């Protein structure tokens, strides 16, 4: 495994945000949702495509706080422009478990 320096880690801006909108993404190659995530006043609402349909319904995602990388450049995914990367962990079957917090935090709180 490659190691990184502290400065490398500090370049990755990971914030807490609340999912405020979930839409199906039928144009995606693999089943996915289009998410809108609120990161608070400083960052605002960002869009993300997430392949998390195996474990999460749209209703179960609304209001959920997630961890996301907010300083990647926007990425075109089919007809959709993704503006952040919602993080998660792959299970053996390929499904993704979202990275979340265990206590409510202010939107935009930065990973320390």
PDB file of N, CA and C in Angstrom:
ATOM      1  N   UNK A   1       0.848  -1.168   0.000  1.00  0.00           N
ATOM      2  CA  UNK A   1       0.000   0.000   0.000  1.00  0.00           C
ATOM      3  C   UNK A   1       0.899   1.238   0.000  1.00  0.00           C
ATOM      4  N   UNK A   2       0.580   2.180  -0.861  1.00  0.00           N
ATOM      5  CA  UNK A   2       1.314   3.438  -0.900  1.00  0.00           C
ATOM      6  C   UNK A   2       0.941   4.292   0.304  1.00  0.00           C
ATOM      7  N   UNK A   3       1.903   5.023   0.809  1.00  0.00           N
ATOM      8  CA  UNK A   3       1.617   5.958   1.890  1.00  0.00           C
ATOM      9  C   UNK A   3       1.498   7.366   1.315  1.00  0.00           C
ATOM     10  N   UNK A   4       0.820   8.238   2.045  1.00  0.00           N
ATOM     11  CA  UNK A   4       0.682   9.627   1.638  1.00  0.00           C
ATOM     12  C   UNK A   4       1.195  10.517   2.762  1.00  0.00           C
ATOM     13  N   UNK A   5       1.474  11.736   2.418  1.00  0.00           N
ATOM     14  CA  UNK A   5       1.900  12.719   3.409  1.00  0.00           C
ATOM     15  C   UNK A   5       0.667  13.425   3.974  1.00  0.00           C
ATOM     16  N   UNK A   6       0.819  14.043   5.140  1.00  0.00           N
ATOM     17  CA  UNK A   6      -0.267  14.787   5.755  1.00  0.00           C
ATOM     18  C   UNK A   6      -0.818  15.838   4.803  1.00  0.00           C
ATOM     19  N   UNK A   7       0.066  16.529   4.076  1.00  0.00           N
ATOM     20  CA  UNK A   7      -0.369  17.557   3.127  1.00  0.00           C
ATOM     21  C   UNK A   7      -1.280  16.981   2.049  1.00  0.00           C
ATOM     22  N   UNK A   8      -1.020  15.727   1.625  1.00  0.00           N
ATOM     23  CA  UNK A   8      -1.885  15.079   0.629  1.00  0.00           C
ATOM     24  C   UNK A   8      -3.289  14.897   1.195  1.00  0.00           C
ATOM     25  N   UNK A   9      -3.384  14.430   2.430  1.00  0.00           N
ATOM     26  CA  UNK A   9      -4.684  14.211   3.064  1.00  0.00           C
ATOM     27  C   UNK A   9      -5.447  15.518   3.209  1.00  0.00           C
ATOM     28  N   UNK A  10      -4.751  16.588   3.563  1.00  0.00           N
ATOM     29  CA  UNK A  10      -5.408  17.874   3.769  1.00  0.00           C
ATOM     30  C   UNK A  10      -5.982  18.451   2.473  1.00  0.00           C
ATOM     31  N   UNK A  11      -5.539  17.980   1.334  1.00  0.00           N
ATOM     32  CA  UNK A  11      -6.072  18.464   0.058  1.00  0.00           C
ATOM     33  C   UNK A  11      -7.482  17.942  -0.203  1.00  0.00           C
ATOM     34  N   UNK A  12      -7.843  16.821   0.422  1.00  0.00           N
ATOM     35  CA  UNK A  12      -9.161  16.217   0.213  1.00  0.00           C
ATOM     36  C   UNK A  12     -10.144  16.866   1.189  1.00  0.00           C
ATOM     37  N   UNK A  13     -11.143  17.554   0.643  1.00  0.00           N
ATOM     38  CA  UNK A  13     -12.120  18.269   1.460  1.00  0.00           C
ATOM     39  C   UNK A  13     -13.368  17.397   1.611  1.00  0.00           C
ATOM     40  N   UNK A  14     -13.470  16.721   2.750  1.00  0.00           N
ATOM     41  CA  UNK A  14     -14.605  15.835   3.030  1.00  0.00           C
ATOM     42  C   UNK A  14     -15.513  16.531   4.033  1.00  0.00           C
ATOM     43  N   UNK A  15     -16.785  16.684   3.633  1.00  0.00           N
ATOM     44  CA  UNK A  15     -17.762  17.410   4.450  1.00  0.00           C
ATOM     45  C   UNK A  15     -19.002  16.567   4.695  1.00  0.00           C
ATOM     46  N   UNK A  16     -19.714  16.921   5.750  1.00  0.00           N
ATOM     47  CA  UNK A  16     -21.013  16.329   6.049  1.00  0.00           C
ATOM     48  C   UNK A  16     -22.080  17.142   5.321  1.00  0.00           C
ATOM     49  N   UNK A  17     -23.000  16.431   4.684  1.00  0.00           N
ATOM     50  CA  UNK A  17     -24.132  17.079   4.054  1.00  0.00           C
ATOM     51  C   UNK A  17     -25.380  16.247   4.246  1.00  0.00           C
ATOM     52  N   UNK A  18     -26.520  16.895   4.112  1.00  0.00           N
ATOM     53  CA  UNK A  18     -27.810  16.225   4.248  1.00  0.00           C
ATOM     54  C   UNK A  18     -28.442  16.057   2.872  1.00  0.00           C
ATOM     55  N   UNK A  19     -28.856  14.843   2.560  1.00  0.00           N
ATOM     56  CA  UNK A  19     -29.528  14.579   1.280  1.00  0.00           C
ATOM     57  C   UNK A  19     -30.911  15.228   1.334  1.00  0.00           C
ATOM     58  N   UNK A  20     -31.158  16.149   0.394  1.00  0.00           N
ATOM     59  CA  UNK A  20     -32.424  16.889   0.396  1.00  0.00           C
ATOM     60  C   UNK A  20     -33.310  16.535  -0.799  1.00  0.00           C
ATOM     61  N   UNK A  21     -32.749  15.845  -1.783  1.00  0.00           N
ATOM     62  CA  UNK A  21     -33.552  15.427  -2.941  1.00  0.00           C
ATOM     63  C   UNK A  21     -32.947  14.171  -3.540  1.00  0.00           C
ATOM     64  N   UNK A  22     -33.820  13.240  -3.934  1.00  0.00           N
ATOM     65  CA  UNK A  22     -33.396  11.976  -4.548  1.00  0.00           C
ATOM     66  C   UNK A  22     -34.276  11.731  -5.760  1.00  0.00           C
ATOM     67  N   UNK A  23     -33.643  11.515  -6.912  1.00  0.00           N
ATOM     68  CA  UNK A  23     -34.369  11.177  -8.137  1.00  0.00           C
ATOM     69  C   UNK A  23     -33.754   9.933  -8.757  1.00  0.00           C
ATOM     70  N   UNK A  24     -34.586   9.139  -9.413  1.00  0.00           N
ATOM     71  CA  UNK A  24     -34.066   8.008 -10.173  1.00  0.00           C
ATOM     72  C   UNK A  24     -33.190   8.535 -11.302  1.00  0.00           C
ATOM     73  N   UNK A  25     -32.233   7.719 -11.733  1.00  0.00           N
ATOM     74  CA  UNK A  25     -31.314   8.089 -12.810  1.00  0.00           C
ATOM     75  C   UNK A  25     -31.377   6.982 -13.865  1.00  0.00           C
ATOM     76  N   UNK A  26     -32.479   6.920 -14.631  1.00  0.00           N
ATOM     77  CA  UNK A  26     -32.668   5.816 -15.577  1.00  0.00           C
ATOM     78  C   UNK A  26     -31.642   5.778 -16.706  1.00  0.00           C
ATOM     79  N   UNK A  27     -30.990   6.905 -16.981  1.00  0.00           N
ATOM     80  CA  UNK A  27     -29.999   6.941 -18.060  1.00  0.00           C
ATOM     81  C   UNK A  27     -28.642   6.358 -17.646  1.00  0.00           C
ATOM     82  N   UNK A  28     -28.440   6.120 -16.371  1.00  0.00           N
ATOM     83  CA  UNK A  28     -27.162   5.594 -15.877  1.00  0.00           C
ATOM     84  C   UNK A  28     -26.945   4.173 -16.384  1.00  0.00           C
ATOM     85  N   UNK A  29     -25.684   3.825 -16.622  1.00  0.00           N
ATOM     86  CA  UNK A  29     -25.348   2.471 -17.088  1.00  0.00           C
ATOM     87  C   UNK A  29     -25.697   1.424 -16.043  1.00  0.00           C
ATOM     88  N   UNK A  30     -25.428   1.739 -14.776  1.00  0.00           N
ATOM     89  CA  UNK A  30     -25.785   0.869 -13.659  1.00  0.00           C
ATOM     90  C   UNK A  30     -26.808   1.614 -12.814  1.00  0.00           C
ATOM     91  N   UNK A  31     -27.718   0.906 -12.166  1.00  0.00           N
ATOM     92  CA  UNK A  31     -28.756   1.580 -11.385  1.00  0.00           C
ATOM     93  C   UNK A  31     -28.155   2.608 -10.409  1.00  0.00           C
ATOM     94  N   UNK A  32     -28.726   3.800 -10.418  1.00  0.00           N
ATOM     95  CA  UNK A  32     -28.197   4.890  -9.596  1.00  0.00           C
ATOM     96  C   UNK A  32     -29.303   5.886  -9.273  1.00  0.00           C
ATOM     97  N   UNK A  33     -29.000   6.736  -8.304  1.00  0.00           N
ATOM     98  CA  UNK A  33     -29.842   7.875  -7.973  1.00  0.00           C
ATOM     99  C   UNK A  33     -29.097   9.159  -8.307  1.00  0.00           C
ATOM    100  N   UNK A  34     -29.866  10.206  -8.582  1.00  0.00           N
ATOM    101  CA  UNK A  34     -29.341  11.562  -8.649  1.00  0.00           C
ATOM    102  C   UNK A  34     -29.687  12.196  -7.305  1.00  0.00           C
ATOM    103  N   UNK A  35     -28.661  12.654  -6.602  1.00  0.00           N
ATOM    104  CA  UNK A  35     -28.848  13.225  -5.278  1.00  0.00           C
ATOM    105  C   UNK A  35     -28.561  14.712  -5.286  1.00  0.00           C
ATOM    106  N   UNK A  36     -29.249  15.446  -4.430  1.00  0.00           N
ATOM    107  CA  UNK A  36     -28.879  16.814  -4.087  1.00  0.00           C
ATOM    108  C   UNK A  36     -28.561  16.797  -2.606  1.00  0.00           C
ATOM    109  N   UNK A  37     -27.360  17.303  -2.280  1.00  0.00           N
ATOM    110  CA  UNK A  37     -26.862  17.252  -0.911  1.00  0.00           C
ATOM    111  C   UNK A  37     -26.587  18.678  -0.437  1.00  0.00           C
ATOM    112  N   UNK A  38     -27.147  19.034   0.710  1.00  0.00           N
ATOM    113  CA  UNK A  38     -26.980  20.367   1.282  1.00  0.00           C
ATOM    114  C   UNK A  38     -25.760  20.375   2.200  1.00  0.00           C
ATOM    115  N   UNK A  39     -24.744  21.185   1.838  1.00  0.00           N
ATOM    116  CA  UNK A  39     -23.521  21.311   2.623  1.00  0.00           C
ATOM    117  C   UNK A  39     -23.462  22.631   3.385  1.00  0.00           C
ATOM    118  N   UNK A  40     -24.588  23.277   3.582  1.00  0.00           N
ATOM    119  CA  UNK A  40     -24.630  24.495   4.377  1.00  0.00           C
ATOM    120  C   UNK A  40     -24.330  25.746   3.572  1.00  0.00           C
ATOM    121  N   UNK A  41     -24.297  26.874   4.279  1.00  0.00           N
ATOM    122  CA  UNK A  41     -24.175  28.188   3.637  1.00  0.00           C
ATOM    123  C   UNK A  41     -22.889  28.361   2.836  1.00  0.00           C
ATOM    124  N   UNK A  42     -21.766  27.900   3.340  1.00  0.00           N
ATOM    125  CA  UNK A  42     -20.475  28.122   2.681  1.00  0.00           C
ATOM    126  C   UNK A  42     -20.388  27.419   1.329  1.00  0.00           C
ATOM    127  N   UNK A  43     -20.871  26.198   1.244  1.00  0.00           N
ATOM    128  CA  UNK A  43     -20.735  25.386   0.026  1.00  0.00           C
ATOM    129  C   UNK A  43     -22.037  25.328  -0.756  1.00  0.00           C
ATOM    130  N   UNK A  44     -23.164  25.265  -0.070  1.00  0.00           N
ATOM    131  CA  UNK A  44     -24.460  25.191  -0.733  1.00  0.00           C
ATOM    132  C   UNK A  44     -24.862  23.768  -1.061  1.00  0.00           C
ATOM    133  N   UNK A  45     -25.761  23.647  -2.028  1.00  0.00           N
ATOM    134  CA  UNK A  45     -26.278  22.346  -2.454  1.00  0.00           C
ATOM    135  C   UNK A  45     -25.487  21.877  -3.667  1.00  0.00           C
ATOM    136  N   UNK A  46     -25.013  20.627  -3.609  1.00  0.00           N
ATOM    137  CA  UNK A  46     -24.275  20.026  -4.718  1.00  0.00           C
ATOM    138  C   UNK A  46     -24.990  18.761  -5.167  1.00  0.00           C
ATOM    139  N   UNK A  47     -24.821  18.441  -6.445  1.00  0.00           N
ATOM    140  CA  UNK A  47     -25.425  17.247  -7.039  1.00  0.00           C
ATOM    141  C   UNK A  47     -24.404  16.112  -7.092  1.00  0.00           C
ATOM    142  N   UNK A  48     -24.914  14.879  -6.978  1.00  0.00           N
ATOM    143  CA  UNK A  48     -24.061  13.706  -7.076  1.00  0.00           C
ATOM    144  C   UNK A  48     -24.859  12.538  -7.638  1.00  0.00           C
ATOM    145  N   UNK A  49     -24.186  11.706  -8.418  1.00  0.00           N
ATOM    146  CA  UNK A  49     -24.761  10.450  -8.868  1.00  0.00           C
ATOM    147  C   UNK A  49     -24.222   9.359  -7.952  1.00  0.00           C
ATOM    148  N   UNK A  50     -25.105   8.478  -7.475  1.00  0.00           N
ATOM    149  CA  UNK A  50     -24.669   7.453  -6.529  1.00  0.00           C
ATOM    150  C   UNK A  50     -25.303   6.108  -6.866  1.00  0.00           C
ATOM    151  N   UNK A  51     -24.451   5.093  -7.016  1.00  0.00           N
ATOM    152  CA  UNK A  51     -24.909   3.732  -7.302  1.00  0.00           C
ATOM    153  C   UNK A  51     -25.166   3.008  -5.982  1.00  0.00           C
ATOM    154  N   UNK A  52     -26.256   3.392  -5.348  1.00  0.00           N
ATOM    155  CA  UNK A  52     -26.577   2.877  -4.014  1.00  0.00           C
ATOM    156  C   UNK A  52     -27.990   2.289  -3.955  1.00  0.00           C
ATOM    157  N   UNK A  53     -28.531   1.925  -5.113  1.00  0.00           N
ATOM    158  CA  UNK A  53     -29.918   1.453  -5.161  1.00  0.00           C
ATOM    159  C   UNK A  53     -30.103   0.062  -4.558  1.00  0.00           C
ATOM    160  N   UNK A  54     -29.016  -0.709  -4.401  1.00  0.00           N
ATOM    161  CA  UNK A  54     -29.143  -2.061  -3.836  1.00  0.00           C
ATOM    162  C   UNK A  54     -29.612  -2.036  -2.389  1.00  0.00           C
ATOM    163  N   UNK A  55     -29.130  -1.067  -1.624  1.00  0.00           N
ATOM    164  CA  UNK A  55     -29.392  -1.055  -0.189  1.00  0.00           C
ATOM    165  C   UNK A  55     -30.307   0.067   0.278  1.00  0.00           C
ATOM    166  N   UNK A  56     -30.535   1.066  -0.574  1.00  0.00           N
ATOM    167  CA  UNK A  56     -31.270   2.252  -0.141  1.00  0.00           C
ATOM    168  C   UNK A  56     -32.419   2.569  -1.085  1.00  0.00           C
ATOM    169  N   UNK A  57     -33.577   2.844  -0.508  1.00  0.00           N
ATOM    170  CA  UNK A  57     -34.696   3.376  -1.296  1.00  0.00           C
ATOM    171  C   UNK A  57     -34.567   4.891  -1.308  1.00  0.00           C
ATOM    172  N   UNK A  58     -35.222   5.526  -2.248  1.00  0.00           N
ATOM    173  CA  UNK A  58     -35.187   6.987  -2.311  1.00  0.00           C
ATOM    174  C   UNK A  58     -35.710   7.586  -1.011  1.00  0.00           C
ATOM    175  N   UNK A  59     -36.793   7.038  -0.489  1.00  0.00           N
ATOM    176  CA  UNK A  59     -37.373   7.566   0.754  1.00  0.00           C
ATOM    177  C   UNK A  59     -36.425   7.438   1.942  1.00  0.00           C
ATOM    178  N   UNK A  60     -35.658   6.347   1.995  1.00  0.00           N
ATOM    179  CA  UNK A  60     -34.758   6.142   3.136  1.00  0.00           C
ATOM    180  C   UNK A  60     -33.559   7.087   3.096  1.00  0.00           C
ATOM    181  N   UNK A  61     -33.291   7.673   1.934  1.00  0.00           N
ATOM    182  CA  UNK A  61     -32.138   8.571   1.787  1.00  0.00           C
ATOM    183  C   UNK A  61     -32.444  10.009   2.189  1.00  0.00           C
ATOM    184  N   UNK A  62     -33.695  10.424   2.031  1.00  0.00           N
ATOM    185  CA  UNK A  62     -34.051  11.809   2.346  1.00  0.00           C
ATOM    186  C   UNK A  62     -33.761  12.118   3.816  1.00  0.00           C
ATOM    187  N   UNK A  63     -33.002  13.170   4.049  1.00  0.00           N
ATOM    188  CA  UNK A  63     -32.663  13.579   5.400  1.00  0.00           C
ATOM    189  C   UNK A  63     -31.434  12.901   5.975  1.00  0.00           C
ATOM    190  N   UNK A  64     -30.875  11.916   5.273  1.00  0.00           N
ATOM    191  CA  UNK A  64     -29.695  11.203   5.763  1.00  0.00           C
ATOM    192  C   UNK A  64     -28.461  12.086   5.606  1.00  0.00           C
ATOM    193  N   UNK A  65     -27.624  12.123   6.630  1.00  0.00           N
ATOM    194  CA  UNK A  65     -26.360  12.851   6.545  1.00  0.00           C
ATOM    195  C   UNK A  65     -25.285  11.906   6.030  1.00  0.00           C
ATOM    196  N   UNK A  66     -24.506  12.381   5.063  1.00  0.00           N
ATOM    197  CA  UNK A  66     -23.475  11.582   4.417  1.00  0.00           C
ATOM    198  C   UNK A  66     -22.164  12.362   4.383  1.00  0.00           C
ATOM    199  N   UNK A  67     -21.078  11.633   4.144  1.00  0.00           N
ATOM    200  CA  UNK A  67     -19.768  12.236   3.960  1.00  0.00           C
ATOM    201  C   UNK A  67     -19.474  12.274   2.468  1.00  0.00           C
ATOM    202  N   UNK A  68     -18.993  13.423   1.994  1.00  0.00           N
ATOM    203  CA  UNK A  68     -18.725  13.568   0.564  1.00  0.00           C
ATOM    204  C   UNK A  68     -17.487  14.426   0.344  1.00  0.00           C
ATOM    205  N   UNK A  69     -16.771  14.106  -0.736  1.00  0.00           N
ATOM    206  CA  UNK A  69     -15.651  14.932  -1.185  1.00  0.00           C
ATOM    207  C   UNK A  69     -16.245  16.066  -2.009  1.00  0.00           C
ATOM    208  N   UNK A  70     -15.977  17.305  -1.591  1.00  0.00           N
ATOM    209  CA  UNK A  70     -16.607  18.455  -2.249  1.00  0.00           C
ATOM    210  C   UNK A  70     -15.646  19.254  -3.120  1.00  0.00           C
ATOM    211  N   UNK A  71     -14.376  18.848  -3.203  1.00  0.00           N
ATOM    212  CA  UNK A  71     -13.435  19.639  -3.995  1.00  0.00           C
ATOM    213  C   UNK A  71     -12.885  18.910  -5.220  1.00  0.00           C
ATOM    214  N   UNK A  72     -13.590  17.894  -5.709  1.00  0.00           N
ATOM    215  CA  UNK A  72     -13.285  17.346  -7.026  1.00  0.00           C
ATOM    216  C   UNK A  72     -13.889  18.273  -8.074  1.00  0.00           C
ATOM    217  N   UNK A  73     -13.301  18.327  -9.271  1.00  0.00           N
ATOM    218  CA  UNK A  73     -13.957  19.101 -10.327  1.00  0.00           C
ATOM    219  C   UNK A  73     -15.255  18.402 -10.745  1.00  0.00           C
ATOM    220  N   UNK A  74     -16.247  19.136 -11.248  1.00  0.00           N
ATOM    221  CA  UNK A  74     -17.483  18.502 -11.722  1.00  0.00           C
ATOM    222  C   UNK A  74     -17.175  17.439 -12.777  1.00  0.00           C
ATOM    223  N   UNK A  75     -17.994  16.384 -12.786  1.00  0.00           N
ATOM    224  CA  UNK A  75     -17.791  15.273 -13.732  1.00  0.00           C
ATOM    225  C   UNK A  75     -19.107  14.974 -14.440  1.00  0.00           C
ATOM    226  N   UNK A  76     -19.050  14.937 -15.753  1.00  0.00           N
ATOM    227  CA  UNK A  76     -20.228  14.612 -16.558  1.00  0.00           C
ATOM    228  C   UNK A  76     -20.463  13.110 -16.523  1.00  0.00           C
ATOM    229  N   UNK A  77     -21.652  12.711 -16.096  1.00  0.00           N
ATOM    230  CA  UNK A  77     -22.043  11.304 -16.069  1.00  0.00           C
ATOM    231  C   UNK A  77     -23.302  11.195 -16.908  1.00  0.00           C
ATOM    232  N   UNK A  78     -23.135  10.824 -18.171  1.00  0.00           N
ATOM    233  CA  UNK A  78     -24.257  10.829 -19.102  1.00  0.00           C
ATOM    234  C   UNK A  78     -24.807  12.239 -19.201  1.00  0.00           C
ATOM    235  N   UNK A  79     -26.121  12.407 -19.032  1.00  0.00           N
ATOM    236  CA  UNK A  79     -26.711  13.741 -19.131  1.00  0.00           C
ATOM    237  C   UNK A  79     -26.636  14.551 -17.818  1.00  0.00           C
ATOM    238  N   UNK A  80     -25.945  14.012 -16.818  1.00  0.00           N
ATOM    239  CA  UNK A  80     -25.957  14.588 -15.473  1.00  0.00           C
ATOM    240  C   UNK A  80     -24.565  15.079 -15.094  1.00  0.00           C
ATOM    241  N   UNK A  81     -24.481  16.269 -14.499  1.00  0.00           N
ATOM    242  CA  UNK A  81     -23.206  16.809 -14.024  1.00  0.00           C
ATOM    243  C   UNK A  81     -23.101  16.574 -12.516  1.00  0.00           C
ATOM    244  N   UNK A  82     -22.169  15.694 -12.115  1.00  0.00           N
ATOM    245  CA  UNK A  82     -21.946  15.400 -10.708  1.00  0.00           C
ATOM    246  C   UNK A  82     -20.944  16.405 -10.152  1.00  0.00           C
ATOM    247  N   UNK A  83     -21.264  16.967  -8.970  1.00  0.00           N
ATOM    248  CA  UNK A  83     -20.450  18.037  -8.398  1.00  0.00           C
ATOM    249  C   UNK A  83     -19.719  17.635  -7.116  1.00  0.00           C
ATOM    250  N   UNK A  84     -20.007  16.448  -6.603  1.00  0.00           N
ATOM    251  CA  UNK A  84     -19.312  15.963  -5.409  1.00  0.00           C
ATOM    252  C   UNK A  84     -19.342  14.440  -5.435  1.00  0.00           C
ATOM    253  N   UNK A  85     -18.514  13.827  -4.595  1.00  0.00           N
ATOM    254  CA  UNK A  85     -18.455  12.373  -4.505  1.00  0.00           C
ATOM    255  C   UNK A  85     -18.944  11.938  -3.138  1.00  0.00           C
ATOM    256  N   UNK A  86     -20.134  11.352  -3.102  1.00  0.00           N
ATOM    257  CA  UNK A  86     -20.665  10.785  -1.870  1.00  0.00           C
ATOM    258  C   UNK A  86     -19.891   9.494  -1.618  1.00  0.00           C
ATOM    259  N   UNK A  87     -19.368   9.329  -0.388  1.00  0.00           N
ATOM    260  CA  UNK A  87     -18.491   8.198  -0.112  1.00  0.00           C
ATOM    261  C   UNK A  87     -19.235   7.024   0.504  1.00  0.00           C
ATOM    262  N   UNK A  88     -18.656   5.849   0.341  1.00  0.00           N
ATOM    263  CA  UNK A  88     -19.215   4.637   0.904  1.00  0.00           C
ATOM    264  C   UNK A  88     -18.224   3.499   0.792  1.00  0.00           C
ATOM    265  N   UNK A  89     -18.643   2.339   1.255  1.00  0.00           N
ATOM    266  CA  UNK A  89     -17.799   1.154   1.282  1.00  0.00           C
ATOM    267  C   UNK A  89     -18.474   0.024   0.517  1.00  0.00           C
ATOM    268  N   UNK A  90     -17.697  -0.661  -0.351  1.00  0.00           N
ATOM    269  CA  UNK A  90     -18.227  -1.804  -1.092  1.00  0.00           C
ATOM    270  C   UNK A  90     -18.291  -3.032  -0.187  1.00  0.00           C
ATOM    271  N   UNK A  91     -19.407  -3.728  -0.281  1.00  0.00           N
ATOM    272  CA  UNK A  91     -19.542  -5.033   0.360  1.00  0.00           C
ATOM    273  C   UNK A  91     -19.080  -6.087  -0.639  1.00  0.00           C
ATOM    274  N   UNK A  92     -18.957  -7.330  -0.186  1.00  0.00           N
ATOM    275  CA  UNK A  92     -18.494  -8.411  -1.052  1.00  0.00           C
ATOM    276  C   UNK A  92     -19.367  -8.577  -2.293  1.00  0.00           C
ATOM    277  N   UNK A  93     -20.662  -8.309  -2.170  1.00  0.00           N
ATOM    278  CA  UNK A  93     -21.570  -8.470  -3.312  1.00  0.00           C
ATOM    279  C   UNK A  93     -21.574  -7.258  -4.249  1.00  0.00           C
ATOM    280  N   UNK A  94     -20.761  -6.249  -3.953  1.00  0.00           N
ATOM    281  CA  UNK A  94     -20.676  -5.065  -4.798  1.00  0.00           C
ATOM    282  C   UNK A  94     -21.578  -3.921  -4.375  1.00  0.00           C
ATOM    283  N   UNK A  95     -22.506  -4.175  -3.464  1.00  0.00           N
ATOM    284  CA  UNK A  95     -23.370  -3.099  -2.994  1.00  0.00           C
ATOM    285  C   UNK A  95     -22.552  -2.116  -2.155  1.00  0.00           C
ATOM    286  N   UNK A  96     -23.057  -0.881  -2.058  1.00  0.00           N
ATOM    287  CA  UNK A  96     -22.326   0.179  -1.364  1.00  0.00           C
ATOM    288  C   UNK A  96     -23.072   0.612  -0.114  1.00  0.00           C
ATOM    289  N   UNK A  97     -22.352   0.641   1.009  1.00  0.00           N
ATOM    290  CA  UNK A  97     -22.859   1.151   2.276  1.00  0.00           C
ATOM    291  C   UNK A  97     -22.330   2.573   2.415  1.00  0.00           C
ATOM    292  N   UNK A  98     -23.227   3.533   2.560  1.00  0.00           N
ATOM    293  CA  UNK A  98     -22.839   4.933   2.648  1.00  0.00           C
ATOM    294  C   UNK A  98     -22.015   5.233   3.892  1.00  0.00           C
ATOM    295  N   UNK A  99     -21.086   6.183   3.764  1.00  0.00           N
ATOM    296  CA  UNK A  99     -20.358   6.718   4.912  1.00  0.00           C
ATOM    297  C   UNK A  99     -21.253   7.777   5.545  1.00  0.00           C
ATOM    298  N   UNK A 100     -21.570   7.589   6.809  1.00  0.00           N
ATOM    299  CA  UNK A 100     -22.459   8.504   7.514  1.00  0.00           C
ATOM    300  C   UNK A 100     -21.843   8.883   8.860  1.00  0.00           C
ATOM    301  N   UNK A 101     -22.543   9.724   9.591  1.00  0.00           N
ATOM    302  CA  UNK A 101     -22.119  10.100  10.938  1.00  0.00           C
ATOM    303  C   UNK A 101     -23.097   9.500  11.940  1.00  0.00           C
ATOM    304  N   UNK A 102     -22.639   9.301  13.171  1.00  0.00           N
ATOM    305  CA  UNK A 102     -23.536   8.691  14.154  1.00  0.00           C
ATOM    306  C   UNK A 102     -24.229   9.704  15.058  1.00  0.00           C
ATOM    307  N   UNK A 103     -23.931  10.996  14.846  1.00  0.00           N
ATOM    308  CA  UNK A 103     -24.630  12.075  15.535  1.00  0.00           C
ATOM    309  C   UNK A 103     -24.890  13.184  14.518  1.00  0.00           C
ATOM    310  N   UNK A 104     -25.985  13.890  14.683  1.00  0.00           N
ATOM    311  CA  UNK A 104     -26.321  14.980  13.759  1.00  0.00           C
ATOM    312  C   UNK A 104     -25.267  16.074  13.883  1.00  0.00           C
ATOM    313  N   UNK A 105     -24.797  16.543  12.722  1.00  0.00           N
ATOM    314  CA  UNK A 105     -23.790  17.598  12.645  1.00  0.00           C
ATOM    315  C   UNK A 105     -24.317  18.721  11.761  1.00  0.00           C
ATOM    316  N   UNK A 106     -23.752  19.913  11.899  1.00  0.00           N
ATOM    317  CA  UNK A 106     -24.137  20.996  10.984  1.00  0.00           C
ATOM    318  C   UNK A 106     -23.688  20.661   9.572  1.00  0.00           C
ATOM    319  N   UNK A 107     -24.542  20.922   8.592  1.00  0.00           N
ATOM    320  CA  UNK A 107     -24.142  20.716   7.197  1.00  0.00           C
ATOM    321  C   UNK A 107     -22.891  21.525   6.916  1.00  0.00           C
ATOM    322  N   UNK A 108     -21.932  20.892   6.247  1.00  0.00           N
ATOM    323  CA  UNK A 108     -20.683  21.558   5.916  1.00  0.00           C
ATOM    324  C   UNK A 108     -19.564  21.276   6.903  1.00  0.00           C
ATOM    325  N   UNK A 109     -19.859  20.584   8.015  1.00  0.00           N
ATOM    326  CA  UNK A 109     -18.795  20.241   8.962  1.00  0.00           C
ATOM    327  C   UNK A 109     -17.718  19.460   8.224  1.00  0.00           C
ATOM    328  N   UNK A 110     -16.455  19.807   8.486  1.00  0.00           N
ATOM    329  CA  UNK A 110     -15.317  19.233   7.762  1.00  0.00           C
ATOM    330  C   UNK A 110     -14.719  18.069   8.541  1.00  0.00           C
ATOM    331  N   UNK A 111     -14.364  16.997   7.814  1.00  0.00           N
ATOM    332  CA  UNK A 111     -13.682  15.871   8.423  1.00  0.00           C
ATOM    333  C   UNK A 111     -12.348  16.351   8.979  1.00  0.00           C
ATOM    334  N   UNK A 112     -12.083  16.006  10.236  1.00  0.00           N
ATOM    335  CA  UNK A 112     -10.845  16.446  10.886  1.00  0.00           C
ATOM    336  C   UNK A 112      -9.854  15.312  10.936  1.00  0.00           C
TER     337      UNK A 112
END
